[in-house]
């Protein structure tokens, strides 16, 4: 994955300016830095949850546009704020469900005893219910890139 000249500002404050790097196609990468320097902002831009002011994300020689291009390629798991509150848990799972991972999702839903709340909007979930949904998305995901933010705050 190649990030080229990524920039992002909020109001009059520049958070990230002309950030470029090439990430290896396999392995683990950690972003380490002080609070407030833009780590979460960068991850959200890579995943397509947040538009950047300038720059581009290229994955497998393909320029990725905003969120709709990324569902099959990238999954961002941060805190529960990455979930869309007006969508049901079931709809979140359907976004990442494929014929290959459908049985895995069903098994995980049963294991975590989620059947009783998947039809509810995520905005009505408790923190624990949101975390379970994130864990199922992570384990069953068929995407190529998993981005984690504050992963130690997500408990199984």
Protein backbone atom coordinates (compact mmCIF):
# COMPACT_ATOMS: atom_id res chain seq x y z
CA UNK A 1 0.00 0.00 0.00
CA UNK A 2 1.30 3.41 -0.90
CA UNK A 3 0.28 6.64 0.80
CA UNK A 4 1.20 9.73 -1.19
CA UNK A 5 1.18 13.29 0.13
CA UNK A 6 -1.69 12.74 2.57
CA UNK A 7 -2.81 15.93 4.30
CA UNK A 8 -5.64 16.70 6.70
CA UNK A 9 -6.67 19.83 8.58
CA UNK A 10 -9.52 20.51 10.94
CA UNK A 11 -10.64 24.12 10.99
CA UNK A 12 -7.32 26.01 10.89
CA UNK A 13 -5.18 23.28 12.45
CA UNK A 14 -3.09 20.99 10.24
CA UNK A 15 -3.08 17.47 11.69
CA UNK A 16 -1.17 15.66 8.93
CA UNK A 17 0.86 17.39 6.21
CA UNK A 18 2.19 15.70 3.06
CA UNK A 19 2.63 12.28 4.68
CA UNK A 20 3.97 9.63 2.30
CA UNK A 21 5.09 6.06 2.87
CA UNK A 22 5.01 2.62 1.33
CA UNK A 23 3.67 -0.13 3.59
CA UNK A 24 4.72 -3.77 3.15
CA UNK A 25 2.11 -6.13 1.75
CA UNK A 26 2.36 -8.49 4.73
CA UNK A 27 3.23 -8.24 8.39
CA UNK A 28 2.39 -6.03 11.32
CA UNK A 29 3.04 -2.32 11.48
CA UNK A 30 2.67 -0.14 14.55
CA UNK A 31 2.07 3.59 14.59
CA UNK A 32 3.65 4.93 17.74
CA UNK A 33 3.48 8.53 18.82
CA UNK A 34 2.21 11.02 21.33
CA UNK A 35 -1.49 11.63 21.84
CA UNK A 36 -3.06 14.02 19.37
CA UNK A 37 -0.51 13.81 16.55
CA UNK A 38 -2.89 12.21 14.01
CA UNK A 39 -2.48 8.43 14.27
CA UNK A 40 -6.23 7.74 14.43
CA UNK A 41 -6.88 10.38 11.76
CA UNK A 42 -4.39 8.66 9.44
CA UNK A 43 -5.95 5.22 9.99
CA UNK A 44 -9.45 6.58 9.35
CA UNK A 45 -8.27 8.20 6.11
CA UNK A 46 -6.61 4.98 4.92
CA UNK A 47 -9.83 3.07 5.64
CA UNK A 48 -11.99 5.69 3.92
CA UNK A 49 -13.92 6.76 7.01
CA UNK A 50 -12.49 10.25 6.79
CA UNK A 51 -11.76 12.22 3.64
CA UNK A 52 -8.28 13.69 3.31
CA UNK A 53 -7.66 17.20 2.05
CA UNK A 54 -5.05 16.05 -0.45
CA UNK A 55 -3.09 12.97 -1.40
CA UNK A 56 -4.01 9.44 -2.36
CA UNK A 57 -4.07 5.86 -1.15
CA UNK A 58 -2.97 3.21 -3.66
CA UNK A 59 -3.50 -0.47 -2.99
CA UNK A 60 -2.42 -3.12 -5.52
CA UNK A 61 -1.84 -0.41 -8.14
CA UNK A 62 -5.42 0.85 -7.68
CA UNK A 63 -6.20 4.33 -6.40
CA UNK A 64 -8.80 3.96 -3.68
CA UNK A 65 -11.54 6.52 -3.52
CA UNK A 66 -13.69 7.11 -0.47
CA UNK A 67 -15.38 4.44 1.64
CA UNK A 68 -17.34 2.57 -1.04
CA UNK A 69 -14.12 1.35 -2.73
CA UNK A 70 -12.69 -0.04 0.47
CA UNK A 71 -15.25 -2.42 2.04
CA UNK A 72 -13.74 -5.46 0.31
CA UNK A 73 -10.13 -4.41 0.94
CA UNK A 74 -9.74 -2.60 4.27
CA UNK A 75 -11.39 -2.93 7.68
CA UNK A 76 -10.78 -0.31 10.37
CA UNK A 77 -11.37 -1.42 13.94
CA UNK A 78 -10.91 1.30 16.48
CA UNK A 79 -13.21 1.95 19.33
CA UNK A 80 -16.93 1.48 18.91
CA UNK A 81 -17.17 4.90 17.22
CA UNK A 82 -16.26 3.26 13.89
CA UNK A 83 -19.69 1.60 13.84
CA UNK A 84 -22.55 3.37 12.07
CA UNK A 85 -25.11 4.01 14.79
CA UNK A 86 -28.22 4.00 12.60
CA UNK A 87 -27.32 0.62 11.01
CA UNK A 88 -28.13 -2.68 12.65
CA UNK A 89 -25.43 -5.10 13.72
CA UNK A 90 -26.78 -7.46 11.08
CA UNK A 91 -26.25 -4.82 8.37
CA UNK A 92 -22.65 -4.26 9.53
CA UNK A 93 -21.98 -7.99 9.21
CA UNK A 94 -23.64 -8.11 5.77
CA UNK A 95 -21.25 -5.42 4.50
CA UNK A 96 -18.32 -7.78 5.08
CA UNK A 97 -20.08 -11.11 4.54
CA UNK A 98 -19.00 -13.28 1.64
CA UNK A 99 -19.89 -16.82 0.65
CA UNK A 100 -16.54 -17.85 2.16
CA UNK A 101 -17.04 -16.32 5.60
CA UNK A 102 -20.83 -16.65 6.03
CA UNK A 103 -20.59 -19.83 8.12
CA UNK A 104 -17.84 -18.29 10.27
CA UNK A 105 -20.03 -15.24 10.97
CA UNK A 106 -23.00 -17.44 11.88
CA UNK A 107 -20.82 -19.53 14.21
CA UNK A 108 -19.38 -16.44 15.91
CA UNK A 109 -22.83 -14.88 16.32
CA UNK A 110 -23.98 -18.04 18.11
CA UNK A 111 -20.80 -18.27 20.17
CA UNK A 112 -21.14 -14.68 21.40
CA UNK A 113 -24.95 -15.11 21.82
CA UNK A 114 -25.66 -12.11 19.58
CA UNK A 115 -28.85 -13.40 17.94
CA UNK A 116 -31.07 -11.39 20.27
CA UNK A 117 -29.72 -7.97 19.35
CA UNK A 118 -28.38 -8.08 15.78
CA UNK A 119 -31.56 -6.58 14.33
CA UNK A 120 -31.33 -3.54 16.64
CA UNK A 121 -29.57 -0.36 15.61
CA UNK A 122 -25.99 -0.24 16.86
CA UNK A 123 -26.77 3.10 18.52
CA UNK A 124 -28.92 1.16 21.00
CA UNK A 125 -26.13 -1.32 21.85
CA UNK A 126 -24.20 -1.35 25.10
CA UNK A 127 -20.42 -0.95 24.91
CA UNK A 128 -19.98 -4.71 25.37
CA UNK A 129 -22.39 -5.46 22.51
CA UNK A 130 -20.49 -3.06 20.23
CA UNK A 131 -17.20 -4.70 21.16
CA UNK A 132 -18.61 -8.15 20.37
CA UNK A 133 -19.69 -6.91 16.95
CA UNK A 134 -16.19 -5.51 16.33
CA UNK A 135 -14.60 -8.82 17.35
CA UNK A 136 -16.86 -10.79 14.99
CA UNK A 137 -16.02 -8.38 12.16
CA UNK A 138 -12.33 -8.77 12.89
CA UNK A 139 -12.28 -12.58 13.15
CA UNK A 140 -14.52 -13.24 10.16
CA UNK A 141 -13.22 -10.52 7.90
CA UNK A 142 -12.09 -11.50 4.43
CA UNK A 143 -10.48 -8.12 3.78
CA UNK A 144 -6.81 -7.83 2.92
CA UNK A 145 -5.90 -5.09 5.39
CA UNK A 146 -6.96 -4.83 9.04
CA UNK A 147 -6.33 -1.49 10.72
CA UNK A 148 -6.53 -1.43 14.52
CA UNK A 149 -6.68 1.66 16.68
CA UNK A 150 -6.37 1.44 20.46
CA UNK A 151 -6.76 -2.33 20.14
CA UNK A 152 -5.92 -2.93 23.81
CA UNK A 153 -9.17 -1.14 24.77
CA UNK A 154 -11.29 -3.77 22.94
CA UNK A 155 -11.95 -6.70 25.25
CA UNK A 156 -13.43 -10.07 24.17
